[in-house]
PDB file of N, CA and C in Angstrom:
ATOM      1  N   MET A   1     110.400 118.054 103.536  1.00  0.00           N
ATOM      2  CA  MET A   1     111.216 118.118 103.985  1.00  0.00           C
ATOM      3  C   MET A   1     112.478 117.083 102.950  1.00  0.00           C
ATOM      4  N   LYS A   2     113.074 117.785 102.798  1.00  0.00           N
ATOM      5  CA  LYS A   2     114.164 116.868 102.640  1.00  0.00           C
ATOM      6  C   LYS A   2     115.198 116.748 103.795  1.00  0.00           C
ATOM      7  N   ILE A   3     116.064 115.224 104.552  1.00  0.00           N
ATOM      8  CA  ILE A   3     115.697 115.115 105.307  1.00  0.00           C
ATOM      9  C   ILE A   3     117.607 114.252 105.001  1.00  0.00           C
ATOM     10  N   THR A   4     118.796 114.870 105.564  1.00  0.00           N
ATOM     11  CA  THR A   4     120.133 114.676 105.233  1.00  0.00           C
ATOM     12  C   THR A   4     120.488 114.085 105.978  1.00  0.00           C
ATOM     13  N   GLY A   5     120.204 112.893 107.050  1.00  0.00           N
ATOM     14  CA  GLY A   5     120.245 112.110 108.116  1.00  0.00           C
ATOM     15  C   GLY A   5     119.377 111.088 109.160  1.00  0.00           C
ATOM     16  N   PHE A   6     120.036 110.401 109.478  1.00  0.00           N
ATOM     17  CA  PHE A   6     118.662 109.859 110.809  1.00  0.00           C
ATOM     18  C   PHE A   6     118.424 110.698 111.801  1.00  0.00           C
ATOM     19  N   ARG A   7     119.991 111.397 111.657  1.00  0.00           N
ATOM     20  CA  ARG A   7     119.813 112.368 113.412  1.00  0.00           C
ATOM     21  C   ARG A   7     118.704 113.199 113.244  1.00  0.00           C
ATOM     22  N   GLN A   8     118.624 113.468 112.044  1.00  0.00           N
ATOM     23  CA  GLN A   8     117.441 115.147 111.084  1.00  0.00           C
ATOM     24  C   GLN A   8     115.909 113.688 111.729  1.00  0.00           C
ATOM     25  N   TYR A   9     116.118 113.056 111.157  1.00  0.00           N
ATOM     26  CA  TYR A   9     115.066 112.418 111.788  1.00  0.00           C
ATOM     27  C   TYR A   9     114.263 111.740 112.633  1.00  0.00           C
ATOM     28  N   GLN A  10     115.204 110.851 113.167  1.00  0.00           N
ATOM     29  CA  GLN A  10     114.389 111.413 114.824  1.00  0.00           C
ATOM     30  C   GLN A  10     114.004 112.456 115.280  1.00  0.00           C
ATOM     31  N   SER A  11     114.904 113.226 115.183  1.00  0.00           N
ATOM     32  CA  SER A  11     114.539 114.886 116.220  1.00  0.00           C
ATOM     33  C   SER A  11     113.700 115.529 115.356  1.00  0.00           C
ATOM     34  N   GLU A  12     112.668 115.285 113.908  1.00  0.00           N
ATOM     35  CA  GLU A  12     111.756 116.260 113.777  1.00  0.00           C
ATOM     36  C   GLU A  12     110.879 115.202 113.485  1.00  0.00           C
ATOM     37  N   SER A  13     110.913 114.120 113.205  1.00  0.00           N
ATOM     38  CA  SER A  13     109.316 112.405 113.648  1.00  0.00           C
ATOM     39  C   SER A  13     109.530 112.342 115.242  1.00  0.00           C
ATOM     40  N   ARG A  14     110.539 113.082 116.389  1.00  0.00           N
ATOM     41  CA  ARG A  14     109.537 113.242 117.707  1.00  0.00           C
ATOM     42  C   ARG A  14     108.772 114.198 117.708  1.00  0.00           C
ATOM     43  N   LYS A  15     108.381 115.421 116.860  1.00  0.00           N
ATOM     44  CA  LYS A  15     107.608 116.049 116.667  1.00  0.00           C
ATOM     45  C   LYS A  15     105.655 115.822 116.460  1.00  0.00           C
ATOM     46  N   THR A  16     105.765 114.707 116.191  1.00  0.00           N
ATOM     47  CA  THR A  16     104.748 114.245 115.961  1.00  0.00           C
ATOM     48  C   THR A  16     104.546 113.427 117.540  1.00  0.00           C
ATOM     49  N   TRP A  17     104.844 112.809 118.323  1.00  0.00           N
ATOM     50  CA  TRP A  17     104.938 111.364 118.995  1.00  0.00           C
ATOM     51  C   TRP A  17     104.131 111.926 119.900  1.00  0.00           C
ATOM     52  N   GLY A  18     102.816 110.891 120.735  1.00  0.00           N
ATOM     53  CA  GLY A  18     102.565 111.149 121.777  1.00  0.00           C
ATOM     54  C   GLY A  18     102.934 109.850 123.089  1.00  0.00           C
ATOM     55  N   VAL A  19     102.772 110.244 124.754  1.00  0.00           N
ATOM     56  CA  VAL A  19     103.598 109.488 124.894  1.00  0.00           C
ATOM     57  C   VAL A  19     102.373 108.025 125.475  1.00  0.00           C
ATOM     58  N   ILE A  20     103.751 106.545 124.972  1.00  0.00           N
ATOM     59  CA  ILE A  20     103.181 105.671 125.073  1.00  0.00           C
ATOM     60  C   ILE A  20     103.343 104.770 126.042  1.00  0.00           C
ATOM     61  N   LEU A  21     102.192 104.696 126.902  1.00  0.00           N
ATOM     62  CA  LEU A  21     103.305 103.593 128.541  1.00  0.00           C
ATOM     63  C   LEU A  21     103.457 102.628 128.080  1.00  0.00           C
ATOM     64  N   MET A  22     105.134 102.275 129.231  1.00  0.00           N
ATOM     65  CA  MET A  22     105.950 100.832 128.631  1.00  0.00           C
ATOM     66  C   MET A  22     104.783  99.030 128.715  1.00  0.00           C
ATOM     67  N   ASP A  23     103.606 100.055 129.787  1.00  0.00           N
ATOM     68  CA  ASP A  23     102.344  98.362 129.910  1.00  0.00           C
ATOM     69  C   ASP A  23     100.994  98.793 129.090  1.00  0.00           C
ATOM     70  N   HIS A  24     101.669  99.713 128.384  1.00  0.00           N
ATOM     71  CA  HIS A  24     100.136  99.609 127.350  1.00  0.00           C
ATOM     72  C   HIS A  24     100.547  98.048 126.117  1.00  0.00           C
ATOM     73  N   PRO A  25      99.395  97.611 125.838  1.00  0.00           N
ATOM     74  CA  PRO A  25      98.958  96.674 124.836  1.00  0.00           C
ATOM     75  C   PRO A  25      99.833  96.463 123.476  1.00  0.00           C
ATOM     76  N   ILE A  26      99.753  98.054 122.959  1.00  0.00           N
ATOM     77  CA  ILE A  26     100.382  97.981 121.793  1.00  0.00           C
ATOM     78  C   ILE A  26     102.186  98.375 121.599  1.00  0.00           C
ATOM     79  N   VAL A  27     102.385  97.796 122.794  1.00  0.00           N
ATOM     80  CA  VAL A  27     103.287  98.115 122.706  1.00  0.00           C
ATOM     81  C   VAL A  27     105.268  96.425 122.541  1.00  0.00           C
ATOM     82  N   TYR A  28     104.688  95.252 122.967  1.00  0.00           N
ATOM     83  CA  TYR A  28     105.367  94.189 122.729  1.00  0.00           C
ATOM     84  C   TYR A  28     105.235  94.188 121.471  1.00  0.00           C
ATOM     85  N   PRO A  29     103.633  94.195 120.748  1.00  0.00           N
ATOM     86  CA  PRO A  29     104.184  93.487 119.498  1.00  0.00           C
ATOM     87  C   PRO A  29     104.516  94.995 117.936  1.00  0.00           C
ATOM     88  N   THR A  30     104.679  96.063 118.536  1.00  0.00           N
ATOM     89  CA  THR A  30     105.105  97.520 118.450  1.00  0.00           C
ATOM     90  C   THR A  30     107.255  96.907 118.039  1.00  0.00           C
ATOM     91  N   LEU A  31     107.295  96.048 119.310  1.00  0.00           N
ATOM     92  CA  LEU A  31     108.975  96.290 119.087  1.00  0.00           C
ATOM     93  C   LEU A  31     109.084  94.869 118.334  1.00  0.00           C
ATOM     94  N   GLY A  32     107.837  94.193 118.231  1.00  0.00           N
ATOM     95  CA  GLY A  32     108.346  92.557 117.652  1.00  0.00           C
ATOM     96  C   GLY A  32     108.385  93.107 116.046  1.00  0.00           C
ATOM     97  N   LEU A  33     107.580  93.846 115.419  1.00  0.00           N
ATOM     98  CA  LEU A  33     107.579  94.210 114.422  1.00  0.00           C
ATOM     99  C   LEU A  33     109.139  95.286 114.020  1.00  0.00           C
ATOM    100  N   VAL A  34     109.710  96.172 114.979  1.00  0.00           N
ATOM    101  CA  VAL A  34     110.398  96.956 114.210  1.00  0.00           C
ATOM    102  C   VAL A  34     111.928  95.507 115.013  1.00  0.00           C
ATOM    103  N   ASN A  35     112.149  95.008 115.533  1.00  0.00           N
ATOM    104  CA  ASN A  35     112.799  93.131 115.185  1.00  0.00           C
ATOM    105  C   ASN A  35     112.869  92.860 113.990  1.00  0.00           C
ATOM    106  N   GLU A  36     111.735  92.726 113.843  1.00  0.00           N
ATOM    107  CA  GLU A  36     110.982  92.172 112.392  1.00  0.00           C
ATOM    108  C   GLU A  36     112.190  93.111 110.842  1.00  0.00           C
ATOM    109  N   ALA A  37     111.697  94.405 110.876  1.00  0.00           N
ATOM    110  CA  ALA A  37     111.740  95.572 110.283  1.00  0.00           C
ATOM    111  C   ALA A  37     113.405  95.151 110.152  1.00  0.00           C
ATOM    112  N   GLY A  38     114.394  95.186 111.142  1.00  0.00           N
ATOM    113  CA  GLY A  38     115.650  95.050 110.711  1.00  0.00           C
ATOM    114  C   GLY A  38     116.351  94.963 109.768  1.00  0.00           C
ATOM    115  N   VAL A  39     115.541  93.159 109.688  1.00  0.00           N
ATOM    116  CA  VAL A  39     116.569  92.807 108.069  1.00  0.00           C
ATOM    117  C   VAL A  39     116.058  94.137 107.017  1.00  0.00           C
ATOM    118  N   VAL A  40     115.889  95.077 107.308  1.00  0.00           N
ATOM    119  CA  VAL A  40     115.993  95.955 105.759  1.00  0.00           C
ATOM    120  C   VAL A  40     116.600  96.552 105.387  1.00  0.00           C
ATOM    121  N   PRO A  41     117.865  96.713 105.921  1.00  0.00           N
ATOM    122  CA  PRO A  41     119.414  97.359 105.577  1.00  0.00           C
ATOM    123  C   PRO A  41     120.202  96.620 105.355  1.00  0.00           C
ATOM    124  N   ASP A  42     119.892  95.022 105.469  1.00  0.00           N
ATOM    125  CA  ASP A  42     120.032  93.648 104.687  1.00  0.00           C
ATOM    126  C   ASP A  42     121.474  94.481 103.497  1.00  0.00           C
ATOM    127  N   PRO A  43     122.477  93.902 103.343  1.00  0.00           N
ATOM    128  CA  PRO A  43     123.717  94.218 101.862  1.00  0.00           C
ATOM    129  C   PRO A  43     122.403  93.010 100.977  1.00  0.00           C
ATOM    130  N   ASN A  44     122.100  92.039 101.073  1.00  0.00           N
ATOM    131  CA  ASN A  44     121.490  92.173 100.019  1.00  0.00           C
ATOM    132  C   ASN A  44     120.248  92.238  98.940  1.00  0.00           C
ATOM    133  N   LEU A  45     119.109  93.032  99.651  1.00  0.00           N
ATOM    134  CA  LEU A  45     118.218  94.443  99.812  1.00  0.00           C
ATOM    135  C   LEU A  45     119.160  95.281  99.810  1.00  0.00           C
ATOM    136  N   HIS A  46     120.191  95.512  98.115  1.00  0.00           N
ATOM    137  CA  HIS A  46     119.601  96.801  97.928  1.00  0.00           C
ATOM    138  C   HIS A  46     119.551  96.878  96.417  1.00  0.00           C
ATOM    139  N   ARG A  47     118.863  95.327  95.715  1.00  0.00           N
ATOM    140  CA  ARG A  47     118.621  95.398  94.696  1.00  0.00           C
ATOM    141  C   ARG A  47     117.194  96.129  93.965  1.00  0.00           C
ATOM    142  N   ILE A  48     117.066  96.029  95.375  1.00  0.00           N
ATOM    143  CA  ILE A  48     115.757  96.279  95.281  1.00  0.00           C
ATOM    144  C   ILE A  48     115.799  97.937  94.482  1.00  0.00           C
ATOM    145  N   ARG A  49     117.046  98.444  94.830  1.00  0.00           N
ATOM    146  CA  ARG A  49     117.722 100.301  94.576  1.00  0.00           C
ATOM    147  C   ARG A  49     116.374 100.904  95.112  1.00  0.00           C
ATOM    148  N   PHE A  50     116.535 100.764  96.373  1.00  0.00           N
ATOM    149  CA  PHE A  50     116.214 101.956  97.478  1.00  0.00           C
ATOM    150  C   PHE A  50     117.311 102.054  99.101  1.00  0.00           C
ATOM    151  N   MET A  51     116.813 103.143  99.454  1.00  0.00           N
ATOM    152  CA  MET A  51     117.656 104.151  99.661  1.00  0.00           C
ATOM    153  C   MET A  51     117.165 104.073 101.974  1.00  0.00           C
ATOM    154  N   LEU A  52     117.317 104.304 102.746  1.00  0.00           N
ATOM    155  CA  LEU A  52     116.352 104.358 104.169  1.00  0.00           C
ATOM    156  C   LEU A  52     116.812 105.776 104.585  1.00  0.00           C
ATOM    157  N   GLU A  53     117.450 106.484 103.835  1.00  0.00           N
ATOM    158  CA  GLU A  53     117.496 107.504 103.822  1.00  0.00           C
ATOM    159  C   GLU A  53     115.485 108.662 102.842  1.00  0.00           C
ATOM    160  N   ASP A  54     115.937 107.673 101.346  1.00  0.00           N
ATOM    161  CA  ASP A  54     114.549 108.532 101.549  1.00  0.00           C
ATOM    162  C   ASP A  54     113.567 107.433 101.968  1.00  0.00           C
ATOM    163  N   VAL A  55     113.239 106.859 102.659  1.00  0.00           N
ATOM    164  CA  VAL A  55     112.433 106.083 102.933  1.00  0.00           C
ATOM    165  C   VAL A  55     112.121 106.970 104.270  1.00  0.00           C
ATOM    166  N   ALA A  56     113.064 106.905 105.211  1.00  0.00           N
ATOM    167  CA  ALA A  56     112.773 108.425 106.303  1.00  0.00           C
ATOM    168  C   ALA A  56     111.906 109.621 105.210  1.00  0.00           C
ATOM    169  N   GLU A  57     112.595 110.249 104.403  1.00  0.00           N
ATOM    170  CA  GLU A  57     111.962 111.087 103.209  1.00  0.00           C
ATOM    171  C   GLU A  57     110.946 110.493 103.248  1.00  0.00           C
ATOM    172  N   VAL A  58     110.401 110.126 102.878  1.00  0.00           N
ATOM    173  CA  VAL A  58     108.675 110.026 102.600  1.00  0.00           C
ATOM    174  C   VAL A  58     108.117 109.913 103.282  1.00  0.00           C
ATOM    175  N   LYS A  59     108.776 109.214 104.886  1.00  0.00           N
ATOM    176  CA  LYS A  59     108.420 109.362 106.568  1.00  0.00           C
ATOM    177  C   LYS A  59     107.636 110.226 107.137  1.00  0.00           C
ATOM    178  N   ILE A  60     109.040 110.615 107.148  1.00  0.00           N
ATOM    179  CA  ILE A  60     108.495 112.032 107.790  1.00  0.00           C
ATOM    180  C   ILE A  60     107.889 113.317 106.871  1.00  0.00           C
ATOM    181  N   THR A  61     107.857 113.284 105.879  1.00  0.00           N
ATOM    182  CA  THR A  61     106.367 114.110 104.868  1.00  0.00           C
ATOM    183  C   THR A  61     105.200 113.344 105.605  1.00  0.00           C
ATOM    184  N   LYS A  62     105.393 112.496 105.541  1.00  0.00           N
ATOM    185  CA  LYS A  62     103.497 111.719 105.517  1.00  0.00           C
ATOM    186  C   LYS A  62     103.152 112.414 106.598  1.00  0.00           C
ATOM    187  N   LEU A  63     104.705 112.402 108.356  1.00  0.00           N
ATOM    188  CA  LEU A  63     104.379 112.514 109.540  1.00  0.00           C
ATOM    189  C   LEU A  63     103.809 114.601 109.768  1.00  0.00           C
ATOM    190  N   PHE A  64     104.474 114.863 109.025  1.00  0.00           N
ATOM    191  CA  PHE A  64     103.978 116.375 109.090  1.00  0.00           C
ATOM    192  C   PHE A  64     102.779 116.916 108.205  1.00  0.00           C
ATOM    193  N   SER A  65     102.148 116.235 107.362  1.00  0.00           N
ATOM    194  CA  SER A  65     101.237 115.704 106.368  1.00  0.00           C
ATOM    195  C   SER A  65      99.844 115.889 107.507  1.00  0.00           C
ATOM    196  N   ARG A  66     100.146 114.468 108.321  1.00  0.00           N
ATOM    197  CA  ARG A  66      98.906 114.305 108.963  1.00  0.00           C
ATOM    198  C   ARG A  66      99.047 115.469 110.456  1.00  0.00           C
ATOM    199  N   LEU A  67      99.438 115.736 110.958  1.00  0.00           N
ATOM    200  CA  LEU A  67      99.848 117.099 112.495  1.00  0.00           C
ATOM    201  C   LEU A  67     100.010 118.205 111.647  1.00  0.00           C
ATOM    202  N   GLU A  68     100.060 118.540 110.212  1.00  0.00           N
ATOM    203  CA  GLU A  68      98.910 120.521 110.094  1.00  0.00           C
ATOM    204  C   GLU A  68      97.944 119.804 109.471  1.00  0.00           C
ATOM    205  N   ARG A  69      97.394 118.674 108.769  1.00  0.00           N
ATOM    206  CA  ARG A  69      96.330 118.077 109.479  1.00  0.00           C
ATOM    207  C   ARG A  69      95.133 117.717 110.297  1.00  0.00           C
ATOM    208  N   GLY A  70      96.043 118.136 111.815  1.00  0.00           N
ATOM    209  CA  GLY A  70      94.722 117.365 112.027  1.00  0.00           C
ATOM    210  C   GLY A  70      94.813 115.751 112.742  1.00  0.00           C
ATOM    211  N   LYS A  71      95.401 115.210 111.972  1.00  0.00           N
ATOM    212  CA  LYS A  71      95.139 113.388 111.685  1.00  0.00           C
ATOM    213  C   LYS A  71      96.586 112.546 112.279  1.00  0.00           C
ATOM    214  N   ILE A  72      97.223 113.511 113.012  1.00  0.00           N
ATOM    215  CA  ILE A  72      98.552 112.420 113.586  1.00  0.00           C
ATOM    216  C   ILE A  72      97.789 111.192 114.720  1.00  0.00           C
ATOM    217  N   ARG A  73      96.945 111.284 115.237  1.00  0.00           N
ATOM    218  CA  ARG A  73      96.184 109.948 115.648  1.00  0.00           C
ATOM    219  C   ARG A  73      95.019 109.106 114.952  1.00  0.00           C
ATOM    220  N   GLY A  74      94.760 108.589 115.575  1.00  0.00           N
ATOM    221  CA  GLY A  74      93.837 107.397 114.350  1.00  0.00           C
ATOM    222  C   GLY A  74      95.157 106.020 113.369  1.00  0.00           C
ATOM    223  N   ASP A  75      93.685 105.566 112.635  1.00  0.00           N
ATOM    224  CA  ASP A  75      94.455 104.554 111.837  1.00  0.00           C
ATOM    225  C   ASP A  75      94.302 104.218 110.872  1.00  0.00           C
ATOM    226  N   GLY A  76      94.464 103.290 109.607  1.00  0.00           N
ATOM    227  CA  GLY A  76      93.639 103.369 108.514  1.00  0.00           C
ATOM    228  C   GLY A  76      94.248 104.600 107.310  1.00  0.00           C
ATOM    229  N   ASP A  77      93.134 105.132 106.800  1.00  0.00           N
ATOM    230  CA  ASP A  77      94.239 105.630 104.703  1.00  0.00           C
ATOM    231  C   ASP A  77      92.947 106.895 105.135  1.00  0.00           C
ATOM    232  N   ASN A  78      92.335 107.050 106.146  1.00  0.00           N
ATOM    233  CA  ASN A  78      90.694 108.305 105.949  1.00  0.00           C
ATOM    234  C   ASN A  78      92.067 109.610 106.673  1.00  0.00           C
ATOM    235  N   ARG A  79      93.419 109.363 107.017  1.00  0.00           N
ATOM    236  CA  ARG A  79      94.159 110.660 107.943  1.00  0.00           C
ATOM    237  C   ARG A  79      94.847 111.320 107.231  1.00  0.00           C
TER     238      ARG A  79
END
């Protein structure tokens, strides 16, 4: 799937999500991880030559593959 921007990524990715209650134990560590991942778009990292749009495209393709195979839930590499 070709992703043309983060608005499209957000829209498409929501088709694969499930509801997680705010008091679920995964919420706090996930928010911490997302906070740490915020350094990825740092201008100094452009030397590694990847664009966030490319990352989003790979991720949405993976999510839809899992959705089509009924493997959207679970963990590990066997999805």
